[in-house]
Amino acid sequence: DDYTFKLNKTTSTKYWICTINYCAAKVHTDSNNGLMKSVGNHSHLPEKEKLAVREVREKITFFKKFSHP
């Protein structure tokens, strides 16, 4: 949904909070990251650019890990 979350707490449920300070949006997932509950609303616009940067970084890390010198 073009927003980023960070893991805040893990029990049998994972509790995620928005990466933007002071944003009230939270998500609860099960141990397989299946959505259980969404709490609050985002107080900011979606972060499409931030997600694109994360995707590129993950691809670079993947290719570095599996490339041969």
PDB file of N, CA and C in Angstrom:
ATOM      1  N   ASP A   1       0.801  -1.205   0.000  1.00  0.00           N
ATOM      2  CA  ASP A   1       0.000   0.000   0.000  1.00  0.00           C
ATOM      3  C   ASP A   1       0.848   1.274   0.000  1.00  0.00           C
ATOM      4  N   ASP A   2       2.125   1.162  -0.347  1.00  0.00           N
ATOM      5  CA  ASP A   2       3.047   2.302  -0.483  1.00  0.00           C
ATOM      6  C   ASP A   2       3.393   2.990   0.828  1.00  0.00           C
ATOM      7  N   TYR A   3       3.300   2.291   1.939  1.00  0.00           N
ATOM      8  CA  TYR A   3       3.743   2.794   3.234  1.00  0.00           C
ATOM      9  C   TYR A   3       4.744   1.800   3.806  1.00  0.00           C
ATOM     10  N   THR A   4       5.655   2.283   4.637  1.00  0.00           N
ATOM     11  CA  THR A   4       6.641   1.390   5.236  1.00  0.00           C
ATOM     12  C   THR A   4       6.414   1.287   6.740  1.00  0.00           C
ATOM     13  N   PHE A   5       6.647   0.085   7.248  1.00  0.00           N
ATOM     14  CA  PHE A   5       6.482  -0.202   8.664  1.00  0.00           C
ATOM     15  C   PHE A   5       7.755  -0.842   9.190  1.00  0.00           C
ATOM     16  N   LYS A   6       7.965  -0.710  10.489  1.00  0.00           N
ATOM     17  CA  LYS A   6       9.076  -1.411  11.128  1.00  0.00           C
ATOM     18  C   LYS A   6       8.526  -2.239  12.277  1.00  0.00           C
ATOM     19  N   LEU A   7       9.184  -3.368  12.512  1.00  0.00           N
ATOM     20  CA  LEU A   7       8.746  -4.281  13.560  1.00  0.00           C
ATOM     21  C   LEU A   7       9.000  -3.645  14.918  1.00  0.00           C
ATOM     22  N   ASN A   8       7.975  -3.579  15.725  1.00  0.00           N
ATOM     23  CA  ASN A   8       8.065  -2.945  17.034  1.00  0.00           C
ATOM     24  C   ASN A   8       8.139  -3.976  18.159  1.00  0.00           C
ATOM     25  N   LYS A   9       7.399  -5.090  18.013  1.00  0.00           N
ATOM     26  CA  LYS A   9       7.338  -6.101  19.068  1.00  0.00           C
ATOM     27  C   LYS A   9       6.885  -7.421  18.457  1.00  0.00           C
ATOM     28  N   THR A  10       7.437  -8.526  18.972  1.00  0.00           N
ATOM     29  CA  THR A  10       7.027  -9.841  18.494  1.00  0.00           C
ATOM     30  C   THR A  10       6.644 -10.725  19.668  1.00  0.00           C
ATOM     31  N   THR A  11       5.464 -11.277  19.582  1.00  0.00           N
ATOM     32  CA  THR A  11       5.009 -12.344  20.475  1.00  0.00           C
ATOM     33  C   THR A  11       4.482 -13.399  19.509  1.00  0.00           C
ATOM     34  N   SER A  12       3.345 -13.990  19.770  1.00  0.00           N
ATOM     35  CA  SER A  12       2.735 -14.846  18.750  1.00  0.00           C
ATOM     36  C   SER A  12       2.185 -13.964  17.629  1.00  0.00           C
ATOM     37  N   THR A  13       2.058 -12.678  17.916  1.00  0.00           N
ATOM     38  CA  THR A  13       1.642 -11.660  16.944  1.00  0.00           C
ATOM     39  C   THR A  13       2.797 -10.693  16.744  1.00  0.00           C
ATOM     40  N   LYS A  14       2.995 -10.247  15.498  1.00  0.00           N
ATOM     41  CA  LYS A  14       4.001  -9.219  15.214  1.00  0.00           C
ATOM     42  C   LYS A  14       3.302  -7.867  15.178  1.00  0.00           C
ATOM     43  N   TYR A  15       3.885  -6.898  15.860  1.00  0.00           N
ATOM     44  CA  TYR A  15       3.326  -5.555  15.940  1.00  0.00           C
ATOM     45  C   TYR A  15       4.226  -4.611  15.151  1.00  0.00           C
ATOM     46  N   TRP A  16       3.672  -3.990  14.114  1.00  0.00           N
ATOM     47  CA  TRP A  16       4.418  -3.113  13.226  1.00  0.00           C
ATOM     48  C   TRP A  16       3.941  -1.682  13.406  1.00  0.00           C
ATOM     49  N   ILE A  17       4.893  -0.725  13.354  1.00  0.00           N
ATOM     50  CA  ILE A  17       4.541   0.691  13.417  1.00  0.00           C
ATOM     51  C   ILE A  17       5.067   1.384  12.169  1.00  0.00           C
ATOM     52  N   CYS A  18       4.419   2.443  11.780  1.00  0.00           N
ATOM     53  CA  CYS A  18       4.840   3.212  10.617  1.00  0.00           C
ATOM     54  C   CYS A  18       6.238   3.772  10.863  1.00  0.00           C
ATOM     55  N   THR A  19       7.053   3.853   9.809  1.00  0.00           N
ATOM     56  CA  THR A  19       8.418   4.360   9.945  1.00  0.00           C
ATOM     57  C   THR A  19       8.473   5.876  10.090  1.00  0.00           C
ATOM     58  N   ILE A  20       7.363   6.555   9.854  1.00  0.00           N
ATOM     59  CA  ILE A  20       7.319   8.009  10.012  1.00  0.00           C
ATOM     60  C   ILE A  20       6.965   8.336  11.465  1.00  0.00           C
ATOM     61  N   ASN A  21       7.824   9.116  12.110  1.00  0.00           N
ATOM     62  CA  ASN A  21       7.572   9.504  13.505  1.00  0.00           C
ATOM     63  C   ASN A  21       6.228  10.208  13.634  1.00  0.00           C
ATOM     64  N   TYR A  22       5.554   9.929  14.699  1.00  0.00           N
ATOM     65  CA  TYR A  22       4.273  10.547  15.064  1.00  0.00           C
ATOM     66  C   TYR A  22       3.107  10.121  14.174  1.00  0.00           C
ATOM     67  N   CYS A  23       3.307   9.142  13.308  1.00  0.00           N
ATOM     68  CA  CYS A  23       2.198   8.596  12.526  1.00  0.00           C
ATOM     69  C   CYS A  23       1.525   7.515  13.375  1.00  0.00           C
ATOM     70  N   ALA A  24       0.211   7.517  13.412  1.00  0.00           N
ATOM     71  CA  ALA A  24      -0.540   6.607  14.279  1.00  0.00           C
ATOM     72  C   ALA A  24      -0.814   5.242  13.654  1.00  0.00           C
ATOM     73  N   ALA A  25      -0.435   5.029  12.405  1.00  0.00           N
ATOM     74  CA  ALA A  25      -0.759   3.775  11.726  1.00  0.00           C
ATOM     75  C   ALA A  25       0.066   2.615  12.277  1.00  0.00           C
ATOM     76  N   LYS A  26      -0.633   1.509  12.545  1.00  0.00           N
ATOM     77  CA  LYS A  26      -0.004   0.295  13.051  1.00  0.00           C
ATOM     78  C   LYS A  26      -0.654  -0.896  12.371  1.00  0.00           C
ATOM     79  N   VAL A  27       0.081  -1.996  12.303  1.00  0.00           N
ATOM     80  CA  VAL A  27      -0.430  -3.223  11.707  1.00  0.00           C
ATOM     81  C   VAL A  27      -0.037  -4.386  12.611  1.00  0.00           C
ATOM     82  N   HIS A  28      -0.928  -5.351  12.742  1.00  0.00           N
ATOM     83  CA  HIS A  28      -0.646  -6.577  13.476  1.00  0.00           C
ATOM     84  C   HIS A  28      -0.685  -7.721  12.467  1.00  0.00           C
ATOM     85  N   THR A  29       0.352  -8.582  12.500  1.00  0.00           N
ATOM     86  CA  THR A  29       0.384  -9.743  11.614  1.00  0.00           C
ATOM     87  C   THR A  29       0.623 -11.001  12.438  1.00  0.00           C
ATOM     88  N   ASP A  30       0.309 -12.149  11.833  1.00  0.00           N
ATOM     89  CA  ASP A  30       0.613 -13.411  12.493  1.00  0.00           C
ATOM     90  C   ASP A  30       2.073 -13.771  12.207  1.00  0.00           C
ATOM     91  N   SER A  31       2.515 -14.926  12.678  1.00  0.00           N
ATOM     92  CA  SER A  31       3.919 -15.318  12.518  1.00  0.00           C
ATOM     93  C   SER A  31       4.320 -15.525  11.060  1.00  0.00           C
ATOM     94  N   ASN A  32       3.348 -15.692  10.161  1.00  0.00           N
ATOM     95  CA  ASN A  32       3.620 -15.835   8.725  1.00  0.00           C
ATOM     96  C   ASN A  32       3.404 -14.531   7.965  1.00  0.00           C
ATOM     97  N   ASN A  33       3.319 -13.426   8.684  1.00  0.00           N
ATOM     98  CA  ASN A  33       3.088 -12.087   8.126  1.00  0.00           C
ATOM     99  C   ASN A  33       1.726 -11.920   7.468  1.00  0.00           C
ATOM    100  N   GLY A  34       0.779 -12.744   7.851  1.00  0.00           N
ATOM    101  CA  GLY A  34      -0.594 -12.568   7.389  1.00  0.00           C
ATOM    102  C   GLY A  34      -1.261 -11.452   8.178  1.00  0.00           C
ATOM    103  N   LEU A  35      -1.908 -10.544   7.490  1.00  0.00           N
ATOM    104  CA  LEU A  35      -2.537  -9.395   8.139  1.00  0.00           C
ATOM    105  C   LEU A  35      -3.649  -9.848   9.076  1.00  0.00           C
ATOM    106  N   MET A  36      -3.570  -9.392  10.317  1.00  0.00           N
ATOM    107  CA  MET A  36      -4.600  -9.688  11.306  1.00  0.00           C
ATOM    108  C   MET A  36      -5.441  -8.454  11.604  1.00  0.00           C
ATOM    109  N   LYS A  37      -4.776  -7.301  11.699  1.00  0.00           N
ATOM    110  CA  LYS A  37      -5.475  -6.093  12.119  1.00  0.00           C
ATOM    111  C   LYS A  37      -4.699  -4.864  11.661  1.00  0.00           C
ATOM    112  N   SER A  38      -5.430  -3.831  11.269  1.00  0.00           N
ATOM    113  CA  SER A  38      -4.849  -2.541  10.923  1.00  0.00           C
ATOM    114  C   SER A  38      -5.424  -1.513  11.887  1.00  0.00           C
ATOM    115  N   VAL A  39      -4.556  -0.707  12.498  1.00  0.00           N
ATOM    116  CA  VAL A  39      -4.974   0.245  13.525  1.00  0.00           C
ATOM    117  C   VAL A  39      -4.537   1.643  13.122  1.00  0.00           C
ATOM    118  N   GLY A  40      -5.427   2.609  13.219  1.00  0.00           N
ATOM    119  CA  GLY A  40      -5.079   4.001  12.946  1.00  0.00           C
ATOM    120  C   GLY A  40      -4.918   4.310  11.470  1.00  0.00           C
ATOM    121  N   ASN A  41      -4.738   5.578  11.181  1.00  0.00           N
ATOM    122  CA  ASN A  41      -4.555   6.053   9.810  1.00  0.00           C
ATOM    123  C   ASN A  41      -3.224   6.772   9.688  1.00  0.00           C
ATOM    124  N   HIS A  42      -2.665   6.728   8.487  1.00  0.00           N
ATOM    125  CA  HIS A  42      -1.420   7.447   8.231  1.00  0.00           C
ATOM    126  C   HIS A  42      -1.691   8.949   8.226  1.00  0.00           C
ATOM    127  N   SER A  43      -0.749   9.704   8.765  1.00  0.00           N
ATOM    128  CA  SER A  43      -0.876  11.162   8.825  1.00  0.00           C
ATOM    129  C   SER A  43       0.004  11.833   7.771  1.00  0.00           C
ATOM    130  N   HIS A  44       0.360  11.065   6.720  1.00  0.00           N
ATOM    131  CA  HIS A  44       1.263  11.565   5.682  1.00  0.00           C
ATOM    132  C   HIS A  44       0.944  10.869   4.364  1.00  0.00           C
ATOM    133  N   LEU A  45       1.542  11.349   3.295  1.00  0.00           N
ATOM    134  CA  LEU A  45       1.338  10.758   1.973  1.00  0.00           C
ATOM    135  C   LEU A  45       2.091   9.438   1.857  1.00  0.00           C
ATOM    136  N   PRO A  46       1.719   8.584   0.892  1.00  0.00           N
ATOM    137  CA  PRO A  46       2.451   7.332   0.668  1.00  0.00           C
ATOM    138  C   PRO A  46       3.923   7.595   0.347  1.00  0.00           C
ATOM    139  N   GLU A  47       4.744   6.573   0.569  1.00  0.00           N
ATOM    140  CA  GLU A  47       6.191   6.694   0.404  1.00  0.00           C
ATOM    141  C   GLU A  47       6.697   5.861  -0.774  1.00  0.00           C
ATOM    142  N   LYS A  48       6.169   6.099  -1.953  1.00  0.00           N
ATOM    143  CA  LYS A  48       6.536   5.306  -3.126  1.00  0.00           C
ATOM    144  C   LYS A  48       8.035   5.350  -3.402  1.00  0.00           C
ATOM    145  N   GLU A  49       8.653   6.523  -3.264  1.00  0.00           N
ATOM    146  CA  GLU A  49      10.078   6.655  -3.542  1.00  0.00           C
ATOM    147  C   GLU A  49      10.906   5.843  -2.551  1.00  0.00           C
ATOM    148  N   LYS A  50      10.519   5.873  -1.292  1.00  0.00           N
ATOM    149  CA  LYS A  50      11.238   5.130  -0.260  1.00  0.00           C
ATOM    150  C   LYS A  50      11.170   3.628  -0.541  1.00  0.00           C
ATOM    151  N   LEU A  51      10.024   3.158  -0.985  1.00  0.00           N
ATOM    152  CA  LEU A  51       9.871   1.743  -1.316  1.00  0.00           C
ATOM    153  C   LEU A  51      10.709   1.368  -2.529  1.00  0.00           C
ATOM    154  N   ALA A  52      10.781   2.247  -3.516  1.00  0.00           N
ATOM    155  CA  ALA A  52      11.591   1.987  -4.705  1.00  0.00           C
ATOM    156  C   ALA A  52      13.067   1.888  -4.332  1.00  0.00           C
ATOM    157  N   VAL A  53      13.534   2.768  -3.468  1.00  0.00           N
ATOM    158  CA  VAL A  53      14.930   2.737  -3.019  1.00  0.00           C
ATOM    159  C   VAL A  53      15.213   1.439  -2.273  1.00  0.00           C
ATOM    160  N   ARG A  54      14.304   1.032  -1.401  1.00  0.00           N
ATOM    161  CA  ARG A  54      14.483  -0.214  -0.651  1.00  0.00           C
ATOM    162  C   ARG A  54      14.580  -1.405  -1.601  1.00  0.00           C
ATOM    163  N   GLU A  55      13.723  -1.432  -2.616  1.00  0.00           N
ATOM    164  CA  GLU A  55      13.730  -2.533  -3.578  1.00  0.00           C
ATOM    165  C   GLU A  55      15.060  -2.605  -4.321  1.00  0.00           C
ATOM    166  N   VAL A  56      15.586  -1.467  -4.748  1.00  0.00           N
ATOM    167  CA  VAL A  56      16.872  -1.436  -5.454  1.00  0.00           C
ATOM    168  C   VAL A  56      17.985  -1.921  -4.531  1.00  0.00           C
ATOM    169  N   ARG A  57      17.997  -1.461  -3.293  1.00  0.00           N
ATOM    170  CA  ARG A  57      19.022  -1.894  -2.335  1.00  0.00           C
ATOM    171  C   ARG A  57      18.964  -3.399  -2.110  1.00  0.00           C
ATOM    172  N   GLU A  58      17.767  -3.953  -1.995  1.00  0.00           N
ATOM    173  CA  GLU A  58      17.627  -5.393  -1.795  1.00  0.00           C
ATOM    174  C   GLU A  58      18.138  -6.168  -3.001  1.00  0.00           C
ATOM    175  N   LYS A  59      17.877  -5.669  -4.204  1.00  0.00           N
ATOM    176  CA  LYS A  59      18.377  -6.331  -5.415  1.00  0.00           C
ATOM    177  C   LYS A  59      19.895  -6.282  -5.474  1.00  0.00           C
ATOM    178  N   ILE A  60      20.487  -5.130  -5.142  1.00  0.00           N
ATOM    179  CA  ILE A  60      21.947  -4.997  -5.146  1.00  0.00           C
ATOM    180  C   ILE A  60      22.559  -5.970  -4.145  1.00  0.00           C
ATOM    181  N   THR A  61      21.993  -6.042  -2.954  1.00  0.00           N
ATOM    182  CA  THR A  61      22.487  -6.961  -1.929  1.00  0.00           C
ATOM    183  C   THR A  61      22.381  -8.402  -2.406  1.00  0.00           C
ATOM    184  N   PHE A  62      21.277  -8.748  -3.033  1.00  0.00           N
ATOM    185  CA  PHE A  62      21.078 -10.101  -3.550  1.00  0.00           C
ATOM    186  C   PHE A  62      22.134 -10.440  -4.590  1.00  0.00           C
ATOM    187  N   PHE A  63      22.354  -9.540  -5.550  1.00  0.00           N
ATOM    188  CA  PHE A  63      23.318  -9.810  -6.614  1.00  0.00           C
ATOM    189  C   PHE A  63      24.749  -9.845  -6.087  1.00  0.00           C
ATOM    190  N   LYS A  64      25.082  -9.023  -5.110  1.00  0.00           N
ATOM    191  CA  LYS A  64      26.417  -9.065  -4.504  1.00  0.00           C
ATOM    192  C   LYS A  64      26.640 -10.406  -3.816  1.00  0.00           C
ATOM    193  N   LYS A  65      25.612 -10.891  -3.162  1.00  0.00           N
ATOM    194  CA  LYS A  65      25.711 -12.141  -2.413  1.00  0.00           C
ATOM    195  C   LYS A  65      25.943 -13.336  -3.334  1.00  0.00           C
ATOM    196  N   PHE A  66      25.341 -13.318  -4.511  1.00  0.00           N
ATOM    197  CA  PHE A  66      25.403 -14.471  -5.398  1.00  0.00           C
ATOM    198  C   PHE A  66      26.300 -14.290  -6.618  1.00  0.00           C
ATOM    199  N   SER A  67      26.965 -13.151  -6.732  1.00  0.00           N
ATOM    200  CA  SER A  67      27.872 -12.966  -7.869  1.00  0.00           C
ATOM    201  C   SER A  67      29.243 -13.523  -7.512  1.00  0.00           C
ATOM    202  N   HIS A  68      29.963 -13.924  -8.524  1.00  0.00           N
ATOM    203  CA  HIS A  68      31.304 -14.476  -8.328  1.00  0.00           C
ATOM    204  C   HIS A  68      32.326 -13.476  -8.842  1.00  0.00           C
ATOM    205  N   PRO A  69      33.451 -13.334  -8.104  1.00  0.00           N
ATOM    206  CA  PRO A  69      34.485 -12.365  -8.542  1.00  0.00           C
ATOM    207  C   PRO A  69      35.178 -12.768  -9.814  1.00  0.00           C
TER     208      PRO A  69
END
